[in-house]
Amino acid sequence: MTTSAAKAPGMRVRLFEECDIPVNWNIMRQYQAKTVFRDQPFSDWKLDRHFQKILSRSPRMIGTIVEWQGEPVGVTWAAADSYMLSDSPMFVTVHVIAVDLIQKPLRRAKAFLALVGGLRKWAASLKASHTIIHVTTGSKLKSTDCMMNAAGAQFMGGAYVV
């Protein structure tokens, strides 16, 4: 999968590769530091396990990178399966969309939208009926909602902590 982000010149979405691990380690550390889970210890071995699972190229899992001028500036990974009470159609569950917070806000927004565009193409190739992006960061919800709307997402529910 290689796609060009039509609205983001200089950006390219491609499959996650082993050489992407170091820079995305930093992006994921940034990501966790901005979530409600920031007080929980970051698990290097667990992230490594996720990266290895992505690199196994399971047909129902994808990891993508968005590059700007050849440098990774964002990462996402998702899995596909049927709904828990049905055999079909496929659903895509997006586990994470994270962009490099060192980038300027406009570049981060373009990177996010490019990653969502890549996910849409993958979901369409699977004939998935839904692509569900779980927002569990618990921070900057208003700006997150704005970005999700810009990506064409429709609000479907919410998350509650008990």
N, C-alpha and C. Protein backbone atom coordinates (compact mmCIF):
# COMPACT_ATOMS: atom_id res chain seq x y z
N MET A 1 0.85 -1.18 0.00
CA MET A 1 0.00 0.00 0.00
C MET A 1 0.88 1.23 0.00
N THR A 2 0.80 1.98 -1.00
CA THR A 2 1.41 3.30 -1.03
C THR A 2 0.36 4.23 -1.59
N THR A 3 0.04 5.25 -0.86
CA THR A 3 -0.95 6.21 -1.33
C THR A 3 -0.38 7.60 -1.22
N SER A 4 -0.82 8.46 -2.07
CA SER A 4 -0.45 9.87 -1.95
C SER A 4 -1.63 10.59 -1.34
N ALA A 5 -1.35 11.47 -0.44
CA ALA A 5 -2.40 12.26 0.18
C ALA A 5 -2.65 13.46 -0.74
N ALA A 6 -3.77 13.44 -1.45
CA ALA A 6 -4.04 14.45 -2.46
C ALA A 6 -4.03 15.87 -1.88
N LYS A 7 -4.49 16.03 -0.67
CA LYS A 7 -4.57 17.36 -0.08
C LYS A 7 -3.31 17.74 0.68
N ALA A 8 -2.33 16.89 0.69
CA ALA A 8 -1.12 17.16 1.46
C ALA A 8 0.13 16.91 0.61
N PRO A 9 0.49 17.89 -0.23
CA PRO A 9 1.69 17.71 -1.05
C PRO A 9 2.90 17.40 -0.18
N GLY A 10 3.72 16.49 -0.65
CA GLY A 10 4.91 16.11 0.12
C GLY A 10 4.64 15.01 1.12
N MET A 11 3.38 14.63 1.30
CA MET A 11 3.03 13.55 2.24
C MET A 11 2.75 12.28 1.46
N ARG A 12 3.16 11.17 2.08
CA ARG A 12 2.94 9.86 1.46
C ARG A 12 2.64 8.87 2.57
N VAL A 13 1.63 8.05 2.36
CA VAL A 13 1.27 6.99 3.30
C VAL A 13 1.80 5.68 2.74
N ARG A 14 2.45 4.91 3.60
CA ARG A 14 3.01 3.62 3.17
C ARG A 14 2.95 2.64 4.32
N LEU A 15 3.24 1.39 4.02
CA LEU A 15 3.24 0.36 5.06
C LEU A 15 4.38 0.58 6.05
N PHE A 16 4.12 0.22 7.28
CA PHE A 16 5.11 0.28 8.35
C PHE A 16 6.21 -0.74 8.06
N GLU A 17 7.46 -0.33 8.22
CA GLU A 17 8.61 -1.21 8.00
C GLU A 17 9.47 -1.23 9.26
N GLU A 18 10.33 -2.24 9.34
CA GLU A 18 11.18 -2.38 10.53
C GLU A 18 12.03 -1.13 10.79
N CYS A 19 12.48 -0.48 9.74
CA CYS A 19 13.31 0.73 9.92
C CYS A 19 12.53 1.88 10.55
N ASP A 20 11.20 1.77 10.63
CA ASP A 20 10.37 2.82 11.21
C ASP A 20 10.27 2.73 12.73
N ILE A 21 10.73 1.64 13.30
CA ILE A 21 10.56 1.43 14.74
C ILE A 21 11.15 2.56 15.58
N PRO A 22 12.41 2.96 15.40
CA PRO A 22 12.97 3.98 16.30
C PRO A 22 12.20 5.30 16.33
N VAL A 23 11.88 5.87 15.17
CA VAL A 23 11.18 7.15 15.17
C VAL A 23 9.77 7.00 15.73
N ASN A 24 9.13 5.87 15.46
CA ASN A 24 7.77 5.69 15.95
C ASN A 24 7.73 5.34 17.43
N TRP A 25 8.83 4.86 17.96
CA TRP A 25 8.95 4.69 19.40
C TRP A 25 8.77 6.06 20.06
N ASN A 26 9.45 7.06 19.50
CA ASN A 26 9.34 8.42 20.04
C ASN A 26 7.94 8.99 19.87
N ILE A 27 7.34 8.76 18.71
CA ILE A 27 5.98 9.26 18.47
C ILE A 27 5.01 8.63 19.47
N MET A 28 5.16 7.33 19.73
CA MET A 28 4.25 6.67 20.67
C MET A 28 4.49 7.13 22.10
N ARG A 29 5.72 7.45 22.45
CA ARG A 29 5.99 8.02 23.78
C ARG A 29 5.31 9.39 23.91
N GLN A 30 5.39 10.20 22.86
CA GLN A 30 4.71 11.50 22.86
C GLN A 30 3.21 11.29 23.02
N TYR A 31 2.68 10.33 22.27
CA TYR A 31 1.25 10.03 22.29
C TYR A 31 0.79 9.70 23.71
N GLN A 32 1.49 8.76 24.35
CA GLN A 32 1.07 8.37 25.69
C GLN A 32 1.18 9.53 26.67
N ALA A 33 2.18 10.35 26.53
CA ALA A 33 2.39 11.48 27.44
C ALA A 33 1.24 12.48 27.39
N LYS A 34 0.43 12.45 26.34
CA LYS A 34 -0.68 13.40 26.19
C LYS A 34 -2.03 12.76 26.50
N THR A 35 -2.04 11.52 26.96
CA THR A 35 -3.31 10.84 27.24
C THR A 35 -3.60 10.81 28.73
N VAL A 36 -4.80 10.36 29.07
CA VAL A 36 -5.14 10.18 30.49
C VAL A 36 -4.33 9.05 31.11
N PHE A 37 -3.63 8.28 30.29
CA PHE A 37 -2.81 7.18 30.77
C PHE A 37 -1.36 7.58 30.97
N ARG A 38 -1.08 8.87 30.93
CA ARG A 38 0.31 9.36 31.01
C ARG A 38 1.02 8.98 32.30
N ASP A 39 0.28 8.70 33.38
CA ASP A 39 0.90 8.32 34.65
C ASP A 39 1.26 6.84 34.72
N GLN A 40 0.80 6.08 33.74
CA GLN A 40 1.14 4.66 33.71
C GLN A 40 2.51 4.48 33.06
N PRO A 41 3.32 3.58 33.59
CA PRO A 41 4.66 3.38 33.02
C PRO A 41 4.58 2.93 31.55
N PHE A 42 5.38 3.55 30.73
CA PHE A 42 5.47 3.18 29.31
C PHE A 42 6.14 1.81 29.22
N SER A 43 5.57 0.91 28.44
CA SER A 43 6.09 -0.45 28.33
C SER A 43 6.80 -0.64 26.99
N ASP A 44 8.13 -0.64 27.05
CA ASP A 44 8.92 -0.87 25.83
C ASP A 44 8.64 -2.24 25.23
N TRP A 45 8.59 -3.27 26.06
CA TRP A 45 8.40 -4.63 25.52
C TRP A 45 7.02 -4.77 24.88
N LYS A 46 6.02 -4.10 25.45
CA LYS A 46 4.67 -4.21 24.89
C LYS A 46 4.59 -3.50 23.53
N LEU A 47 5.19 -2.31 23.44
CA LEU A 47 5.20 -1.62 22.16
C LEU A 47 5.98 -2.44 21.13
N ASP A 48 7.09 -3.02 21.53
CA ASP A 48 7.86 -3.86 20.62
C ASP A 48 7.00 -5.03 20.13
N ARG A 49 6.21 -5.61 21.01
CA ARG A 49 5.32 -6.72 20.62
C ARG A 49 4.30 -6.24 19.58
N HIS A 50 3.76 -5.03 19.79
CA HIS A 50 2.82 -4.47 18.80
C HIS A 50 3.52 -4.28 17.45
N PHE A 51 4.71 -3.70 17.47
CA PHE A 51 5.45 -3.50 16.22
C PHE A 51 5.71 -4.83 15.52
N GLN A 52 6.11 -5.86 16.26
CA GLN A 52 6.38 -7.16 15.65
C GLN A 52 5.11 -7.77 15.06
N LYS A 53 3.99 -7.57 15.73
CA LYS A 53 2.72 -8.07 15.22
C LYS A 53 2.37 -7.37 13.90
N ILE A 54 2.57 -6.05 13.86
CA ILE A 54 2.32 -5.29 12.63
C ILE A 54 3.22 -5.78 11.51
N LEU A 55 4.49 -6.00 11.83
CA LEU A 55 5.46 -6.43 10.82
C LEU A 55 5.22 -7.86 10.33
N SER A 56 4.42 -8.64 11.05
CA SER A 56 4.11 -10.00 10.61
C SER A 56 3.21 -10.01 9.38
N ARG A 57 2.64 -8.85 9.05
CA ARG A 57 1.80 -8.66 7.87
C ARG A 57 0.58 -9.57 7.84
N SER A 58 -0.07 -9.70 8.98
CA SER A 58 -1.33 -10.43 9.03
C SER A 58 -2.30 -9.77 8.04
N PRO A 59 -3.06 -10.57 7.28
CA PRO A 59 -3.97 -9.97 6.30
C PRO A 59 -5.09 -9.14 6.93
N ARG A 60 -5.30 -9.30 8.22
CA ARG A 60 -6.35 -8.54 8.89
C ARG A 60 -5.80 -7.46 9.81
N MET A 61 -4.54 -7.11 9.61
CA MET A 61 -3.94 -6.04 10.40
C MET A 61 -3.10 -5.18 9.48
N ILE A 62 -3.07 -3.90 9.77
CA ILE A 62 -2.23 -3.00 8.98
C ILE A 62 -1.57 -1.97 9.90
N GLY A 63 -0.37 -1.64 9.56
CA GLY A 63 0.33 -0.53 10.19
C GLY A 63 0.82 0.36 9.08
N THR A 64 0.53 1.64 9.17
CA THR A 64 0.98 2.56 8.13
C THR A 64 1.74 3.73 8.75
N ILE A 65 2.54 4.31 7.91
CA ILE A 65 3.36 5.47 8.25
C ILE A 65 2.96 6.58 7.29
N VAL A 66 2.93 7.80 7.78
CA VAL A 66 2.83 8.93 6.87
C VAL A 66 4.18 9.64 6.92
N GLU A 67 4.70 9.90 5.74
CA GLU A 67 5.99 10.59 5.62
C GLU A 67 5.75 11.99 5.09
N TRP A 68 6.55 12.91 5.56
CA TRP A 68 6.60 14.25 4.98
C TRP A 68 8.04 14.47 4.56
N GLN A 69 8.24 14.72 3.29
CA GLN A 69 9.58 14.88 2.72
C GLN A 69 10.49 13.72 3.10
N GLY A 70 9.93 12.50 3.06
CA GLY A 70 10.70 11.29 3.30
C GLY A 70 10.91 10.91 4.75
N GLU A 71 10.43 11.72 5.68
CA GLU A 71 10.61 11.43 7.11
C GLU A 71 9.27 11.03 7.73
N PRO A 72 9.22 9.95 8.52
CA PRO A 72 7.98 9.56 9.19
C PRO A 72 7.51 10.64 10.17
N VAL A 73 6.24 11.02 10.04
CA VAL A 73 5.66 12.02 10.94
C VAL A 73 4.37 11.53 11.59
N GLY A 74 4.02 10.27 11.35
CA GLY A 74 2.82 9.72 11.96
C GLY A 74 2.71 8.24 11.71
N VAL A 75 1.93 7.59 12.56
CA VAL A 75 1.78 6.14 12.49
C VAL A 75 0.34 5.78 12.87
N THR A 76 -0.14 4.71 12.30
CA THR A 76 -1.42 4.16 12.72
C THR A 76 -1.37 2.65 12.57
N TRP A 77 -2.19 1.98 13.37
CA TRP A 77 -2.40 0.56 13.12
C TRP A 77 -3.82 0.20 13.45
N ALA A 78 -4.29 -0.80 12.71
CA ALA A 78 -5.69 -1.18 12.79
C ALA A 78 -5.82 -2.68 12.51
N ALA A 79 -6.95 -3.23 12.91
CA ALA A 79 -7.24 -4.64 12.67
C ALA A 79 -8.66 -4.76 12.14
N ALA A 80 -8.90 -5.82 11.40
CA ALA A 80 -10.22 -6.07 10.83
C ALA A 80 -10.76 -7.39 11.34
N ASP A 81 -12.04 -7.40 11.61
CA ASP A 81 -12.72 -8.62 12.02
C ASP A 81 -14.22 -8.37 11.88
N SER A 82 -15.00 -9.41 12.02
CA SER A 82 -16.44 -9.23 11.97
C SER A 82 -16.94 -8.75 13.33
N TYR A 83 -18.12 -8.19 13.33
CA TYR A 83 -18.77 -7.74 14.56
C TYR A 83 -18.94 -8.95 15.48
N MET A 84 -18.88 -8.73 16.78
CA MET A 84 -18.87 -9.83 17.74
C MET A 84 -20.12 -10.72 17.68
N LEU A 85 -21.22 -10.22 17.15
CA LEU A 85 -22.45 -11.02 17.09
C LEU A 85 -22.87 -11.34 15.66
N SER A 86 -21.92 -11.24 14.73
CA SER A 86 -22.23 -11.49 13.33
C SER A 86 -20.99 -12.05 12.63
N ASP A 87 -21.21 -12.78 11.55
CA ASP A 87 -20.09 -13.34 10.79
C ASP A 87 -19.58 -12.39 9.71
N SER A 88 -20.40 -11.45 9.31
CA SER A 88 -19.98 -10.49 8.29
C SER A 88 -20.88 -9.27 8.39
N PRO A 89 -20.51 -8.18 7.85
CA PRO A 89 -19.29 -7.87 7.12
C PRO A 89 -18.15 -7.56 8.08
N MET A 90 -17.00 -7.24 7.51
CA MET A 90 -15.84 -6.86 8.30
C MET A 90 -16.04 -5.48 8.91
N PHE A 91 -15.45 -5.29 10.06
CA PHE A 91 -15.30 -3.98 10.70
C PHE A 91 -13.80 -3.73 10.80
N VAL A 92 -13.39 -2.50 10.75
CA VAL A 92 -12.00 -2.14 11.02
C VAL A 92 -11.98 -1.39 12.34
N THR A 93 -11.13 -1.83 13.24
CA THR A 93 -10.92 -1.15 14.52
C THR A 93 -9.55 -0.52 14.48
N VAL A 94 -9.52 0.79 14.63
CA VAL A 94 -8.26 1.53 14.62
C VAL A 94 -7.75 1.60 16.05
N HIS A 95 -6.58 1.03 16.27
CA HIS A 95 -6.00 0.99 17.61
C HIS A 95 -5.33 2.30 17.98
N VAL A 96 -4.68 2.93 17.02
CA VAL A 96 -4.01 4.20 17.32
C VAL A 96 -3.77 4.98 16.04
N ILE A 97 -3.89 6.28 16.16
CA ILE A 97 -3.41 7.22 15.15
C ILE A 97 -2.59 8.22 15.95
N ALA A 98 -1.31 8.28 15.67
CA ALA A 98 -0.42 9.18 16.42
C ALA A 98 0.46 9.94 15.43
N VAL A 99 0.58 11.23 15.68
CA VAL A 99 1.44 12.06 14.83
C VAL A 99 2.55 12.67 15.69
N ASP A 100 3.63 13.02 15.03
CA ASP A 100 4.79 13.59 15.70
C ASP A 100 4.46 14.99 16.20
N LEU A 101 4.41 15.16 17.51
CA LEU A 101 4.01 16.43 18.10
C LEU A 101 5.06 17.52 17.94
N ILE A 102 6.23 17.16 17.46
CA ILE A 102 7.26 18.17 17.18
C ILE A 102 6.91 18.94 15.91
N GLN A 103 6.10 18.34 15.05
CA GLN A 103 5.71 18.99 13.80
C GLN A 103 4.78 20.17 14.08
N LYS A 104 4.71 21.08 13.12
CA LYS A 104 3.82 22.23 13.23
C LYS A 104 2.37 21.75 13.19
N PRO A 105 1.44 22.50 13.80
CA PRO A 105 0.04 22.06 13.86
C PRO A 105 -0.57 21.72 12.50
N LEU A 106 -0.33 22.53 11.49
CA LEU A 106 -0.92 22.25 10.18
C LEU A 106 -0.37 20.94 9.61
N ARG A 107 0.91 20.69 9.77
CA ARG A 107 1.50 19.45 9.28
C ARG A 107 0.94 18.26 10.05
N ARG A 108 0.75 18.41 11.36
CA ARG A 108 0.16 17.32 12.15
C ARG A 108 -1.25 17.02 11.64
N ALA A 109 -2.02 18.06 11.36
CA ALA A 109 -3.39 17.86 10.87
C ALA A 109 -3.37 17.14 9.53
N LYS A 110 -2.49 17.57 8.63
CA LYS A 110 -2.40 16.92 7.32
C LYS A 110 -1.95 15.47 7.46
N ALA A 111 -1.02 15.22 8.38
CA ALA A 111 -0.56 13.85 8.61
C ALA A 111 -1.71 12.98 9.12
N PHE A 112 -2.48 13.51 10.06
CA PHE A 112 -3.63 12.78 10.60
C PHE A 112 -4.61 12.44 9.48
N LEU A 113 -4.96 13.44 8.68
CA LEU A 113 -5.92 13.22 7.59
C LEU A 113 -5.38 12.23 6.56
N ALA A 114 -4.09 12.27 6.29
CA ALA A 114 -3.50 11.32 5.35
C ALA A 114 -3.58 9.90 5.90
N LEU A 115 -3.32 9.74 7.20
CA LEU A 115 -3.41 8.41 7.82
C LEU A 115 -4.84 7.88 7.77
N VAL A 116 -5.82 8.75 8.06
CA VAL A 116 -7.22 8.33 7.98
C VAL A 116 -7.56 7.94 6.54
N GLY A 117 -7.06 8.70 5.57
CA GLY A 117 -7.30 8.36 4.17
C GLY A 117 -6.74 6.98 3.81
N GLY A 118 -5.56 6.67 4.32
CA GLY A 118 -4.98 5.34 4.09
C GLY A 118 -5.81 4.24 4.72
N LEU A 119 -6.32 4.51 5.93
CA LEU A 119 -7.19 3.53 6.60
C LEU A 119 -8.47 3.30 5.81
N ARG A 120 -9.03 4.37 5.27
CA ARG A 120 -10.25 4.25 4.46
C ARG A 120 -10.02 3.34 3.25
N LYS A 121 -8.88 3.53 2.59
CA LYS A 121 -8.58 2.71 1.41
C LYS A 121 -8.42 1.25 1.79
N TRP A 122 -7.73 0.99 2.90
CA TRP A 122 -7.56 -0.39 3.34
C TRP A 122 -8.91 -1.00 3.70
N ALA A 123 -9.73 -0.25 4.44
CA ALA A 123 -11.05 -0.75 4.83
C ALA A 123 -11.90 -1.04 3.59
N ALA A 124 -11.83 -0.18 2.60
CA ALA A 124 -12.59 -0.40 1.36
C ALA A 124 -12.11 -1.66 0.65
N SER A 125 -10.81 -1.93 0.69
CA SER A 125 -10.28 -3.13 0.03
C SER A 125 -10.78 -4.40 0.71
N LEU A 126 -11.15 -4.29 1.98
CA LEU A 126 -11.70 -5.43 2.73
C LEU A 126 -13.22 -5.47 2.68
N LYS A 127 -13.80 -4.46 2.04
CA LYS A 127 -15.26 -4.29 2.01
C LYS A 127 -15.83 -4.15 3.42
N ALA A 128 -15.08 -3.48 4.27
CA ALA A 128 -15.52 -3.27 5.66
C ALA A 128 -16.69 -2.29 5.69
N SER A 129 -17.67 -2.59 6.51
CA SER A 129 -18.84 -1.72 6.60
C SER A 129 -18.61 -0.53 7.52
N HIS A 130 -17.71 -0.66 8.48
CA HIS A 130 -17.42 0.41 9.43
C HIS A 130 -15.92 0.45 9.71
N THR A 131 -15.42 1.64 9.90
CA THR A 131 -14.07 1.85 10.41
C THR A 131 -14.24 2.65 11.69
N ILE A 132 -13.91 2.03 12.80
CA ILE A 132 -14.16 2.64 14.11
C ILE A 132 -12.85 3.10 14.71
N ILE A 133 -12.77 4.40 14.95
CA ILE A 133 -11.60 5.01 15.57
C ILE A 133 -11.97 5.30 17.01
N HIS A 134 -11.34 4.59 17.92
CA HIS A 134 -11.62 4.79 19.35
C HIS A 134 -10.76 5.94 19.86
N VAL A 135 -11.41 6.95 20.40
CA VAL A 135 -10.70 8.09 20.98
C VAL A 135 -10.66 7.87 22.48
N THR A 136 -9.52 7.42 22.96
CA THR A 136 -9.38 7.13 24.39
C THR A 136 -8.28 7.96 25.04
N THR A 137 -7.82 8.99 24.33
CA THR A 137 -6.76 9.82 24.90
C THR A 137 -7.26 10.62 26.09
N GLY A 138 -8.53 11.03 26.05
CA GLY A 138 -9.10 11.80 27.15
C GLY A 138 -8.55 13.20 27.27
N SER A 139 -7.90 13.69 26.23
CA SER A 139 -7.36 15.05 26.28
C SER A 139 -7.65 15.76 24.97
N LYS A 140 -7.78 17.06 25.04
CA LYS A 140 -8.04 17.90 23.86
C LYS A 140 -9.21 17.37 23.05
N LEU A 141 -10.30 17.07 23.73
CA LEU A 141 -11.43 16.45 23.07
C LEU A 141 -12.06 17.35 22.01
N LYS A 142 -12.08 18.66 22.26
CA LYS A 142 -12.69 19.57 21.29
C LYS A 142 -11.88 19.59 19.99
N SER A 143 -10.56 19.68 20.09
CA SER A 143 -9.75 19.68 18.87
C SER A 143 -9.76 18.31 18.21
N THR A 144 -9.84 17.25 19.01
CA THR A 144 -9.95 15.90 18.44
C THR A 144 -11.24 15.78 17.64
N ASP A 145 -12.34 16.29 18.20
CA ASP A 145 -13.62 16.25 17.51
C ASP A 145 -13.55 17.04 16.20
N CYS A 146 -12.88 18.16 16.22
CA CYS A 146 -12.71 18.98 15.02
C CYS A 146 -11.96 18.20 13.94
N MET A 147 -10.87 17.52 14.34
CA MET A 147 -10.10 16.73 13.38
C MET A 147 -10.91 15.55 12.85
N MET A 148 -11.65 14.91 13.73
CA MET A 148 -12.46 13.77 13.29
C MET A 148 -13.52 14.24 12.28
N ASN A 149 -14.12 15.39 12.54
CA ASN A 149 -15.10 15.94 11.59
C ASN A 149 -14.43 16.26 10.25
N ALA A 150 -13.22 16.83 10.29
CA ALA A 150 -12.49 17.14 9.06
C ALA A 150 -12.17 15.87 8.28
N ALA A 151 -12.01 14.76 8.99
CA ALA A 151 -11.73 13.47 8.34
C ALA A 151 -13.00 12.80 7.83
N GLY A 152 -14.16 13.43 8.08
CA GLY A 152 -15.42 12.87 7.62
C GLY A 152 -16.01 11.85 8.57
N ALA A 153 -15.50 11.80 9.79
CA ALA A 153 -16.00 10.84 10.78
C ALA A 153 -17.33 11.30 11.35
N GLN A 154 -18.15 10.35 11.70
CA GLN A 154 -19.43 10.62 12.36
C GLN A 154 -19.36 10.08 13.77
N PHE A 155 -19.82 10.89 14.73
CA PHE A 155 -19.80 10.47 16.13
C PHE A 155 -20.78 9.32 16.31
N MET A 156 -20.33 8.25 16.98
CA MET A 156 -21.15 7.06 17.12
C MET A 156 -21.44 6.71 18.58
N GLY A 157 -20.72 7.23 19.50
CA GLY A 157 -20.92 6.85 20.89
C GLY A 157 -19.89 7.50 21.75
N GLY A 158 -19.53 6.85 22.81
CA GLY A 158 -18.53 7.44 23.69
C GLY A 158 -17.90 6.38 24.57
N ALA A 159 -16.95 6.81 25.34
CA ALA A 159 -16.28 5.92 26.27
C ALA A 159 -16.52 6.42 27.68
N TYR A 160 -16.75 5.51 28.59
CA TYR A 160 -16.97 5.85 29.98
C TYR A 160 -15.99 5.07 30.83
N VAL A 161 -15.52 5.68 31.88
CA VAL A 161 -14.64 5.01 32.83
C VAL A 161 -15.41 4.83 34.11
N VAL A 162 -15.43 3.61 34.64
CA VAL A 162 -16.13 3.35 35.91
C VAL A 162 -15.14 2.86 36.94
